[in-house]
Amino acid sequence: MLFARWKPEQQTEEELTRYFCWQMDQLAVNMKNTVDQYVFVYDFEGCGYANFSLSHAKTAFKFLQTVYCDRQYCSCLIRQNWTMQAINSLV
């Protein structure tokens, strides 16, 4: 997922939840039968405070932890700048 292009003011929390649900369904459809877990890679290059919404982040994390917790092996956060590292430590 590339977060540099995401603008939280342009979508509601419900739309974000629907997007994550669609994305997880696409992962499940495209996974081989022998694979039962996945690694989520979040790319924060070019991302800053304008691309962050605490309410959206809480909604997304709550959704991923409750609905798809058995399928997700781990999450990797790559190329974070200092702003995203500070936000990550707060969340």
C-alpha atoms as a PDB file:
ATOM      1  CA  MET A   1       0.000   0.000   0.000  1.00  0.00           C
ATOM      2  CA  LEU A   2       1.310   3.426  -0.956  1.00  0.00           C
ATOM      3  CA  PHE A   3       0.121   6.079   1.464  1.00  0.00           C
ATOM      4  CA  ALA A   4       1.691   9.139  -0.191  1.00  0.00           C
ATOM      5  CA  ARG A   5      -1.293   9.425  -2.566  1.00  0.00           C
ATOM      6  CA  TRP A   6      -3.945   8.903   0.104  1.00  0.00           C
ATOM      7  CA  LYS A   7      -5.862  11.972   1.262  1.00  0.00           C
ATOM      8  CA  PRO A   8      -8.008  11.239   4.353  1.00  0.00           C
ATOM      9  CA  GLU A   9     -10.239  14.287   3.878  1.00  0.00           C
ATOM     10  CA  GLN A  10     -11.452  12.861   0.560  1.00  0.00           C
ATOM     11  CA  GLN A  11     -13.008   9.710   2.013  1.00  0.00           C
ATOM     12  CA  THR A  12     -15.027   8.693   5.036  1.00  0.00           C
ATOM     13  CA  GLU A  13     -14.145   6.013   7.548  1.00  0.00           C
ATOM     14  CA  GLU A  14     -16.852   3.787   6.051  1.00  0.00           C
ATOM     15  CA  GLU A  15     -15.267   4.091   2.603  1.00  0.00           C
ATOM     16  CA  LEU A  16     -11.884   3.217   4.109  1.00  0.00           C
ATOM     17  CA  THR A  17     -13.362   0.127   5.753  1.00  0.00           C
ATOM     18  CA  ARG A  18     -14.984  -0.926   2.484  1.00  0.00           C
ATOM     19  CA  TYR A  19     -11.667  -0.462   0.680  1.00  0.00           C
ATOM     20  CA  PHE A  20      -9.805  -2.614   3.218  1.00  0.00           C
ATOM     21  CA  CYS A  21     -12.514  -5.270   2.983  1.00  0.00           C
ATOM     22  CA  TRP A  22     -12.277  -5.280  -0.820  1.00  0.00           C
ATOM     23  CA  GLN A  23      -8.493  -5.429  -0.636  1.00  0.00           C
ATOM     24  CA  MET A  24      -8.529  -8.370   1.793  1.00  0.00           C
ATOM     25  CA  ASP A  25     -11.036 -10.209  -0.378  1.00  0.00           C
ATOM     26  CA  GLN A  26      -8.802  -9.675  -3.418  1.00  0.00           C
ATOM     27  CA  LEU A  27      -5.847 -11.071  -1.478  1.00  0.00           C
ATOM     28  CA  ALA A  28      -7.848 -14.135  -0.473  1.00  0.00           C
ATOM     29  CA  VAL A  29      -9.007 -14.747  -4.049  1.00  0.00           C
ATOM     30  CA  ASN A  30      -5.504 -14.439  -5.508  1.00  0.00           C
ATOM     31  CA  MET A  31      -3.686 -16.511  -2.879  1.00  0.00           C
ATOM     32  CA  LYS A  32      -2.707 -20.075  -3.653  1.00  0.00           C
ATOM     33  CA  ASN A  33      -4.522 -22.833  -1.783  1.00  0.00           C
ATOM     34  CA  THR A  34      -1.336 -23.749   0.089  1.00  0.00           C
ATOM     35  CA  VAL A  35      -0.901 -20.221   1.497  1.00  0.00           C
ATOM     36  CA  ASP A  36      -2.956 -19.319   4.542  1.00  0.00           C
ATOM     37  CA  GLN A  37      -1.303 -16.124   5.837  1.00  0.00           C
ATOM     38  CA  TYR A  38       0.067 -12.929   4.319  1.00  0.00           C
ATOM     39  CA  VAL A  39       2.485 -10.115   5.142  1.00  0.00           C
ATOM     40  CA  PHE A  40       1.198  -6.573   4.767  1.00  0.00           C
ATOM     41  CA  VAL A  41       3.784  -4.019   3.543  1.00  0.00           C
ATOM     42  CA  TYR A  42       2.968  -0.342   4.038  1.00  0.00           C
ATOM     43  CA  ASP A  43       5.144   2.103   2.061  1.00  0.00           C
ATOM     44  CA  PHE A  44       5.297   5.547   3.675  1.00  0.00           C
ATOM     45  CA  GLU A  45       7.680   7.221   1.212  1.00  0.00           C
ATOM     46  CA  GLY A  46       6.539  10.795   0.605  1.00  0.00           C
ATOM     47  CA  CYS A  47       3.909  10.515   3.319  1.00  0.00           C
ATOM     48  CA  GLY A  48       3.491  13.155   5.996  1.00  0.00           C
ATOM     49  CA  TYR A  49       0.985  14.702   8.344  1.00  0.00           C
ATOM     50  CA  ALA A  50      -1.346  15.617   5.439  1.00  0.00           C
ATOM     51  CA  ASN A  51      -1.788  11.897   4.714  1.00  0.00           C
ATOM     52  CA  PHE A  52      -2.722  10.979   8.284  1.00  0.00           C
ATOM     53  CA  SER A  53      -5.992  10.887  10.174  1.00  0.00           C
ATOM     54  CA  LEU A  54      -6.066   9.394  13.662  1.00  0.00           C
ATOM     55  CA  SER A  55      -9.719   8.390  13.380  1.00  0.00           C
ATOM     56  CA  HIS A  56      -9.095   6.701  10.025  1.00  0.00           C
ATOM     57  CA  ALA A  57      -6.036   4.885  11.424  1.00  0.00           C
ATOM     58  CA  LYS A  58      -7.991   3.617  14.438  1.00  0.00           C
ATOM     59  CA  THR A  59     -10.810   2.422  12.190  1.00  0.00           C
ATOM     60  CA  ALA A  60      -8.420   0.621   9.832  1.00  0.00           C
ATOM     61  CA  PHE A  61      -6.436  -1.050  12.621  1.00  0.00           C
ATOM     62  CA  LYS A  62      -9.589  -2.100  14.458  1.00  0.00           C
ATOM     63  CA  PHE A  63     -10.988  -3.593  11.250  1.00  0.00           C
ATOM     64  CA  LEU A  64      -7.796  -5.476  10.397  1.00  0.00           C
ATOM     65  CA  GLN A  65      -7.390  -6.794  13.959  1.00  0.00           C
ATOM     66  CA  THR A  66     -10.940  -8.048  14.363  1.00  0.00           C
ATOM     67  CA  VAL A  67     -11.954  -9.246  10.900  1.00  0.00           C
ATOM     68  CA  TYR A  68      -8.765 -10.543   9.300  1.00  0.00           C
ATOM     69  CA  CYS A  69      -6.568 -11.239  12.322  1.00  0.00           C
ATOM     70  CA  ASP A  70      -6.201 -14.964  11.548  1.00  0.00           C
ATOM     71  CA  ARG A  71      -4.863 -14.370   8.019  1.00  0.00           C
ATOM     72  CA  GLN A  72      -2.349 -11.584   8.679  1.00  0.00           C
ATOM     73  CA  TYR A  73       1.092 -12.854   9.677  1.00  0.00           C
ATOM     74  CA  CYS A  74       2.702  -9.458  10.222  1.00  0.00           C
ATOM     75  CA  SER A  75       2.825  -5.873   9.015  1.00  0.00           C
ATOM     76  CA  CYS A  76       5.967  -4.138   7.753  1.00  0.00           C
ATOM     77  CA  LEU A  77       6.252  -0.356   7.752  1.00  0.00           C
ATOM     78  CA  ILE A  78       8.934   0.811   5.335  1.00  0.00           C
ATOM     79  CA  ARG A  79      10.451   4.181   4.354  1.00  0.00           C
ATOM     80  CA  GLN A  80       8.955   6.199   7.187  1.00  0.00           C
ATOM     81  CA  ASN A  81      10.062   9.791   7.671  1.00  0.00           C
ATOM     82  CA  TRP A  82      10.317  11.315  11.131  1.00  0.00           C
ATOM     83  CA  THR A  83       6.688  12.516  11.045  1.00  0.00           C
ATOM     84  CA  MET A  84       5.350   9.024  10.387  1.00  0.00           C
ATOM     85  CA  GLN A  85       7.673   7.503  12.997  1.00  0.00           C
ATOM     86  CA  ALA A  86       6.279   9.933  15.606  1.00  0.00           C
ATOM     87  CA  ILE A  87       2.689   9.165  14.570  1.00  0.00           C
ATOM     88  CA  ASN A  88       3.415   5.425  14.631  1.00  0.00           C
ATOM     89  CA  SER A  89       4.767   5.656  18.178  1.00  0.00           C
ATOM     90  CA  LEU A  90       1.603   7.506  19.259  1.00  0.00           C
ATOM     91  CA  VAL A  91      -0.763   4.990  17.695  1.00  0.00           C
END
